[in-house]
C-alpha cells in the first residue's frame, strides 16, 4: 500500500540522515503489531534531522495514522522547494526507477541493473 511505502521510506531517510541510528527495531515492531494503539508507534526521530523541512517531512511520513502520512510526490516537491533535494532529483529518480521496473522485472535483475 502507498501509505506503507511512504512509512518505509521515512524510516530509511531517518536512519541514513541520523548516521544509521535505528528508527524501528524488531521489538518495537512486535509491540506495535500486538497493540496498534501502543505508544511504541510514537517514533522520535527529530534529533539529527536537519533542516527543519526534512524533519517535518520525515515526521509526517512516520505518522501513526496512514492517511496522515501524505504521498511521496508531495514530500518530494516539499524537499525540492526547500532546497533539501536538487530540482533535478525528481526527474532523475522517476526516469531511473521507471527504467529499473520496465527493464528488470525480477528482483535479481533489478540488483544487477543498479549495480
N, C-alpha and C. Protein backbone atom coordinates (compact mmCIF):
# COMPACT_ATOMS: atom_id res chain seq x y z
N UNK A 1 0.84 -1.19 0.00
CA UNK A 1 0.00 0.00 0.00
C UNK A 1 0.89 1.25 0.00
N UNK A 2 0.48 2.28 -0.71
CA UNK A 2 1.29 3.50 -0.78
C UNK A 2 1.64 4.10 0.59
N UNK A 3 0.71 4.08 1.54
CA UNK A 3 0.99 4.66 2.86
C UNK A 3 2.10 3.89 3.56
N UNK A 4 2.15 2.58 3.37
CA UNK A 4 3.22 1.78 3.98
C UNK A 4 4.55 2.06 3.30
N UNK A 5 4.51 2.27 1.97
CA UNK A 5 5.73 2.62 1.25
C UNK A 5 6.29 3.95 1.75
N UNK A 6 5.41 4.92 1.98
CA UNK A 6 5.83 6.22 2.50
C UNK A 6 6.44 6.05 3.89
N UNK A 7 5.81 5.23 4.72
CA UNK A 7 6.34 4.96 6.06
C UNK A 7 7.73 4.34 5.97
N UNK A 8 7.88 3.35 5.11
CA UNK A 8 9.17 2.67 4.96
C UNK A 8 10.24 3.64 4.48
N UNK A 9 9.90 4.48 3.52
CA UNK A 9 10.86 5.47 3.03
C UNK A 9 11.23 6.44 4.15
N UNK A 10 10.27 6.83 4.97
CA UNK A 10 10.56 7.70 6.11
C UNK A 10 11.55 7.05 7.06
N UNK A 11 11.40 5.76 7.30
CA UNK A 11 12.35 5.04 8.16
C UNK A 11 13.75 5.05 7.56
N UNK A 12 13.84 4.80 6.25
CA UNK A 12 15.14 4.77 5.58
C UNK A 12 15.80 6.15 5.64
N UNK A 13 15.05 7.20 5.31
CA UNK A 13 15.62 8.55 5.34
C UNK A 13 16.09 8.89 6.74
N UNK A 14 15.27 8.59 7.74
CA UNK A 14 15.65 8.89 9.12
C UNK A 14 16.93 8.17 9.51
N UNK A 15 17.04 6.91 9.16
CA UNK A 15 18.23 6.15 9.53
C UNK A 15 19.48 6.66 8.82
N UNK A 16 19.35 6.97 7.53
CA UNK A 16 20.50 7.46 6.78
C UNK A 16 20.95 8.81 7.31
N UNK A 17 20.02 9.71 7.54
CA UNK A 17 20.36 11.07 7.97
C UNK A 17 20.82 11.12 9.43
N UNK A 18 20.51 10.08 10.20
CA UNK A 18 20.94 10.05 11.60
C UNK A 18 22.10 9.08 11.81
N UNK A 19 22.85 8.85 10.75
CA UNK A 19 24.06 8.04 10.87
C UNK A 19 23.81 6.57 11.17
N UNK A 20 22.69 6.04 10.74
CA UNK A 20 22.39 4.64 10.95
C UNK A 20 21.65 4.32 12.24
N UNK A 21 21.28 5.35 13.01
CA UNK A 21 20.51 5.11 14.24
C UNK A 21 19.19 4.44 13.88
N UNK A 22 18.88 3.36 14.56
CA UNK A 22 17.67 2.59 14.26
C UNK A 22 16.41 3.40 14.50
N UNK A 23 15.52 3.36 13.52
CA UNK A 23 14.25 4.05 13.63
C UNK A 23 13.20 3.12 14.23
N UNK A 24 13.19 1.89 13.77
CA UNK A 24 12.17 0.93 14.20
C UNK A 24 12.84 -0.43 14.32
N UNK A 25 13.07 -0.88 15.56
CA UNK A 25 13.70 -2.19 15.74
C UNK A 25 12.63 -3.28 15.83
N UNK A 26 13.07 -4.52 15.81
CA UNK A 26 12.14 -5.65 15.80
C UNK A 26 11.24 -5.67 17.04
N UNK A 27 11.80 -5.39 18.20
CA UNK A 27 11.00 -5.41 19.44
C UNK A 27 9.89 -4.37 19.38
N UNK A 28 10.19 -3.18 18.88
CA UNK A 28 9.18 -2.13 18.78
C UNK A 28 8.12 -2.53 17.76
N UNK A 29 8.54 -3.08 16.64
CA UNK A 29 7.60 -3.53 15.62
C UNK A 29 6.66 -4.59 16.19
N UNK A 30 7.18 -5.52 16.97
CA UNK A 30 6.34 -6.57 17.55
C UNK A 30 5.32 -5.98 18.54
N UNK A 31 5.74 -4.97 19.32
CA UNK A 31 4.81 -4.31 20.24
C UNK A 31 3.69 -3.62 19.46
N UNK A 32 4.04 -2.99 18.37
CA UNK A 32 3.04 -2.30 17.54
C UNK A 32 2.07 -3.31 16.93
N UNK A 33 2.59 -4.43 16.45
CA UNK A 33 1.72 -5.45 15.85
C UNK A 33 0.76 -6.06 16.86
N UNK A 34 1.24 -6.24 18.10
CA UNK A 34 0.38 -6.79 19.15
C UNK A 34 -0.67 -5.77 19.60
N UNK A 35 -0.28 -4.51 19.65
CA UNK A 35 -1.17 -3.46 20.14
C UNK A 35 -0.98 -2.21 19.30
N UNK A 36 -1.76 -2.07 18.21
CA UNK A 36 -1.61 -0.92 17.33
C UNK A 36 -1.79 0.43 18.02
N UNK A 37 -2.44 0.45 19.17
CA UNK A 37 -2.64 1.72 19.89
C UNK A 37 -1.50 2.01 20.86
N UNK A 38 -0.50 1.13 20.87
CA UNK A 38 0.64 1.29 21.78
C UNK A 38 1.38 2.60 21.51
N UNK A 39 1.95 3.16 22.56
CA UNK A 39 2.75 4.37 22.38
C UNK A 39 4.10 4.05 21.73
N UNK A 40 4.38 2.77 21.50
CA UNK A 40 5.62 2.39 20.82
C UNK A 40 5.66 2.96 19.41
N UNK A 41 4.50 3.26 18.86
CA UNK A 41 4.44 3.79 17.50
C UNK A 41 4.89 5.24 17.43
N UNK A 42 4.97 5.91 18.54
CA UNK A 42 5.37 7.32 18.55
C UNK A 42 6.89 7.40 18.41
N UNK A 43 7.34 7.29 17.19
CA UNK A 43 8.77 7.25 16.90
C UNK A 43 9.36 8.65 16.98
N UNK A 44 10.40 8.81 17.76
CA UNK A 44 11.05 10.11 17.91
C UNK A 44 12.32 10.11 17.08
N UNK A 45 12.26 10.78 15.94
CA UNK A 45 13.40 10.79 15.04
C UNK A 45 13.89 12.22 14.78
N UNK A 46 13.49 13.15 15.61
CA UNK A 46 13.79 14.55 15.35
C UNK A 46 15.27 14.89 15.48
N UNK A 47 15.98 14.23 16.41
CA UNK A 47 17.41 14.53 16.57
C UNK A 47 18.18 14.08 15.34
N UNK A 48 18.98 14.99 14.81
CA UNK A 48 19.82 14.67 13.67
C UNK A 48 19.18 14.90 12.32
N UNK A 49 17.92 15.33 12.31
CA UNK A 49 17.27 15.60 11.03
C UNK A 49 17.20 17.10 10.81
N UNK A 50 18.11 17.59 9.99
CA UNK A 50 18.13 18.99 9.63
C UNK A 50 18.22 19.08 8.12
N UNK A 51 17.65 20.07 7.53
CA UNK A 51 16.97 21.25 8.06
C UNK A 51 15.56 20.91 8.55
N UNK A 52 14.87 21.90 9.11
CA UNK A 52 13.52 21.66 9.65
C UNK A 52 12.54 21.07 8.63
N UNK A 53 12.69 21.43 7.35
CA UNK A 53 11.78 20.88 6.33
C UNK A 53 11.93 19.37 6.23
N UNK A 54 13.15 18.89 6.32
CA UNK A 54 13.38 17.44 6.28
C UNK A 54 12.77 16.79 7.51
N UNK A 55 12.97 17.38 8.66
CA UNK A 55 12.40 16.86 9.91
C UNK A 55 10.88 16.79 9.81
N UNK A 56 10.26 17.84 9.27
CA UNK A 56 8.79 17.86 9.15
C UNK A 56 8.29 16.78 8.19
N UNK A 57 8.98 16.63 7.07
CA UNK A 57 8.57 15.62 6.09
C UNK A 57 8.70 14.22 6.68
N UNK A 58 9.83 13.91 7.30
CA UNK A 58 10.03 12.58 7.88
C UNK A 58 9.03 12.31 9.00
N UNK A 59 8.78 13.31 9.83
CA UNK A 59 7.79 13.14 10.90
C UNK A 59 6.42 12.81 10.32
N UNK A 60 6.04 13.49 9.22
CA UNK A 60 4.75 13.19 8.57
C UNK A 60 4.76 11.79 7.98
N UNK A 61 5.87 11.39 7.38
CA UNK A 61 5.95 10.07 6.77
C UNK A 61 5.81 8.95 7.81
N UNK A 62 6.19 9.23 9.04
CA UNK A 62 6.13 8.22 10.10
C UNK A 62 4.88 8.32 10.97
N UNK A 63 3.89 9.05 10.50
CA UNK A 63 2.65 9.21 11.27
C UNK A 63 2.00 7.86 11.55
N UNK A 64 1.43 7.75 12.74
CA UNK A 64 0.73 6.51 13.13
C UNK A 64 -0.43 6.21 12.18
N UNK A 65 -1.20 7.22 11.86
CA UNK A 65 -2.38 7.06 11.00
C UNK A 65 -1.95 7.13 9.53
N UNK A 66 -2.11 6.05 8.79
CA UNK A 66 -1.66 6.04 7.38
C UNK A 66 -2.19 7.20 6.54
N UNK A 67 -3.40 7.62 6.78
CA UNK A 67 -3.98 8.71 5.98
C UNK A 67 -3.29 10.04 6.23
N UNK A 68 -2.51 10.15 7.30
CA UNK A 68 -1.82 11.40 7.63
C UNK A 68 -0.37 11.42 7.13
N UNK A 69 0.06 10.35 6.46
CA UNK A 69 1.45 10.25 6.01
C UNK A 69 1.73 11.04 4.73
N UNK A 70 0.70 11.40 4.01
CA UNK A 70 0.90 12.11 2.75
C UNK A 70 1.37 11.16 1.68
N UNK A 71 1.71 11.72 0.54
CA UNK A 71 2.18 10.89 -0.56
C UNK A 71 3.60 11.29 -0.95
N UNK A 72 4.29 10.39 -1.59
CA UNK A 72 5.69 10.60 -1.92
C UNK A 72 5.89 11.81 -2.81
N UNK A 73 5.00 12.03 -3.77
CA UNK A 73 5.16 13.16 -4.69
C UNK A 73 5.10 14.50 -3.95
N UNK A 74 4.20 14.61 -3.00
CA UNK A 74 4.09 15.85 -2.22
C UNK A 74 5.34 16.06 -1.39
N UNK A 75 5.82 15.01 -0.74
CA UNK A 75 7.04 15.13 0.07
C UNK A 75 8.24 15.50 -0.81
N UNK A 76 8.31 14.92 -1.99
CA UNK A 76 9.40 15.23 -2.91
C UNK A 76 9.37 16.70 -3.30
N UNK A 77 8.19 17.21 -3.65
CA UNK A 77 8.08 18.64 -4.00
C UNK A 77 8.47 19.53 -2.84
N UNK A 78 8.07 19.16 -1.62
CA UNK A 78 8.42 19.95 -0.44
C UNK A 78 9.93 20.00 -0.25
N UNK A 79 10.59 18.87 -0.38
CA UNK A 79 12.04 18.82 -0.18
C UNK A 79 12.80 19.54 -1.30
N UNK A 80 12.28 19.46 -2.51
CA UNK A 80 12.91 20.21 -3.60
C UNK A 80 12.73 21.71 -3.40
N UNK A 81 11.52 22.14 -3.03
CA UNK A 81 11.25 23.57 -2.83
C UNK A 81 12.11 24.14 -1.70
N UNK A 82 12.39 23.33 -0.68
CA UNK A 82 13.20 23.78 0.45
C UNK A 82 14.69 23.73 0.15
N UNK A 83 15.07 23.15 -0.99
CA UNK A 83 16.48 23.05 -1.33
C UNK A 83 17.17 21.87 -0.69
N UNK A 84 16.40 20.98 -0.04
CA UNK A 84 16.99 19.79 0.57
C UNK A 84 17.44 18.82 -0.54
N UNK A 85 16.65 18.74 -1.60
CA UNK A 85 16.99 17.94 -2.77
C UNK A 85 17.12 18.88 -3.96
N UNK A 86 18.06 18.61 -4.86
CA UNK A 86 18.16 19.47 -6.05
C UNK A 86 16.95 19.25 -6.95
N UNK A 87 16.55 20.27 -7.71
CA UNK A 87 15.36 20.13 -8.56
C UNK A 87 15.50 19.00 -9.59
N UNK A 88 16.71 18.66 -9.95
CA UNK A 88 16.93 17.59 -10.93
C UNK A 88 16.65 16.20 -10.35
N UNK A 89 16.55 16.10 -9.04
CA UNK A 89 16.41 14.80 -8.40
C UNK A 89 15.17 14.06 -8.86
N UNK A 90 14.02 14.74 -8.89
CA UNK A 90 12.78 14.04 -9.22
C UNK A 90 12.80 13.53 -10.65
N UNK A 91 13.34 14.31 -11.58
CA UNK A 91 13.41 13.84 -12.96
C UNK A 91 14.32 12.62 -13.06
N UNK A 92 15.46 12.66 -12.39
CA UNK A 92 16.37 11.52 -12.41
C UNK A 92 15.73 10.31 -11.76
N UNK A 93 15.17 10.49 -10.56
CA UNK A 93 14.62 9.36 -9.81
C UNK A 93 13.49 8.70 -10.58
N UNK A 94 12.60 9.48 -11.15
CA UNK A 94 11.47 8.91 -11.88
C UNK A 94 11.97 8.11 -13.08
N UNK A 95 12.85 8.72 -13.88
CA UNK A 95 13.36 8.02 -15.06
C UNK A 95 14.14 6.77 -14.68
N UNK A 96 14.95 6.88 -13.65
CA UNK A 96 15.77 5.75 -13.23
C UNK A 96 14.91 4.58 -12.75
N UNK A 97 13.98 4.84 -11.85
CA UNK A 97 13.18 3.75 -11.30
C UNK A 97 12.19 3.19 -12.33
N UNK A 98 11.74 4.03 -13.25
CA UNK A 98 10.90 3.51 -14.34
C UNK A 98 11.71 2.54 -15.18
N UNK A 99 12.93 2.92 -15.50
CA UNK A 99 13.81 2.03 -16.28
C UNK A 99 14.05 0.73 -15.54
N UNK A 100 14.33 0.81 -14.26
CA UNK A 100 14.58 -0.39 -13.47
C UNK A 100 13.36 -1.31 -13.49
N UNK A 101 12.18 -0.75 -13.28
CA UNK A 101 10.97 -1.58 -13.25
C UNK A 101 10.63 -2.17 -14.61
N UNK A 102 10.84 -1.41 -15.68
CA UNK A 102 10.48 -1.89 -17.01
C UNK A 102 11.51 -2.87 -17.57
N UNK A 103 12.77 -2.63 -17.30
CA UNK A 103 13.82 -3.45 -17.90
C UNK A 103 14.26 -4.63 -17.02
N UNK A 104 13.86 -4.62 -15.79
CA UNK A 104 14.30 -5.68 -14.88
C UNK A 104 13.11 -6.14 -14.02
N UNK A 105 12.31 -7.03 -14.56
CA UNK A 105 11.10 -7.45 -13.83
C UNK A 105 11.37 -8.30 -12.58
N UNK A 106 12.49 -9.01 -12.55
CA UNK A 106 12.80 -9.84 -11.38
C UNK A 106 13.73 -9.09 -10.44
N UNK A 107 13.60 -9.32 -9.13
CA UNK A 107 14.48 -8.63 -8.17
C UNK A 107 15.97 -8.78 -8.46
N UNK A 108 16.41 -9.98 -8.83
CA UNK A 108 17.83 -10.19 -9.14
C UNK A 108 18.26 -9.34 -10.33
N UNK A 109 17.37 -9.22 -11.32
CA UNK A 109 17.68 -8.38 -12.49
C UNK A 109 17.79 -6.92 -12.09
N UNK A 110 16.95 -6.48 -11.16
CA UNK A 110 16.99 -5.09 -10.70
C UNK A 110 18.31 -4.79 -9.99
N UNK A 111 18.75 -5.70 -9.17
CA UNK A 111 20.02 -5.52 -8.47
C UNK A 111 21.16 -5.45 -9.47
N UNK A 112 21.14 -6.31 -10.46
CA UNK A 112 22.19 -6.32 -11.48
C UNK A 112 22.19 -5.02 -12.27
N UNK A 113 21.02 -4.50 -12.61
CA UNK A 113 20.92 -3.25 -13.35
C UNK A 113 21.44 -2.07 -12.53
N UNK A 114 21.10 -2.03 -11.27
CA UNK A 114 21.52 -0.93 -10.42
C UNK A 114 23.02 -0.97 -10.16
N UNK A 115 23.56 -2.16 -10.01
CA UNK A 115 24.99 -2.30 -9.72
C UNK A 115 25.79 -2.10 -10.96
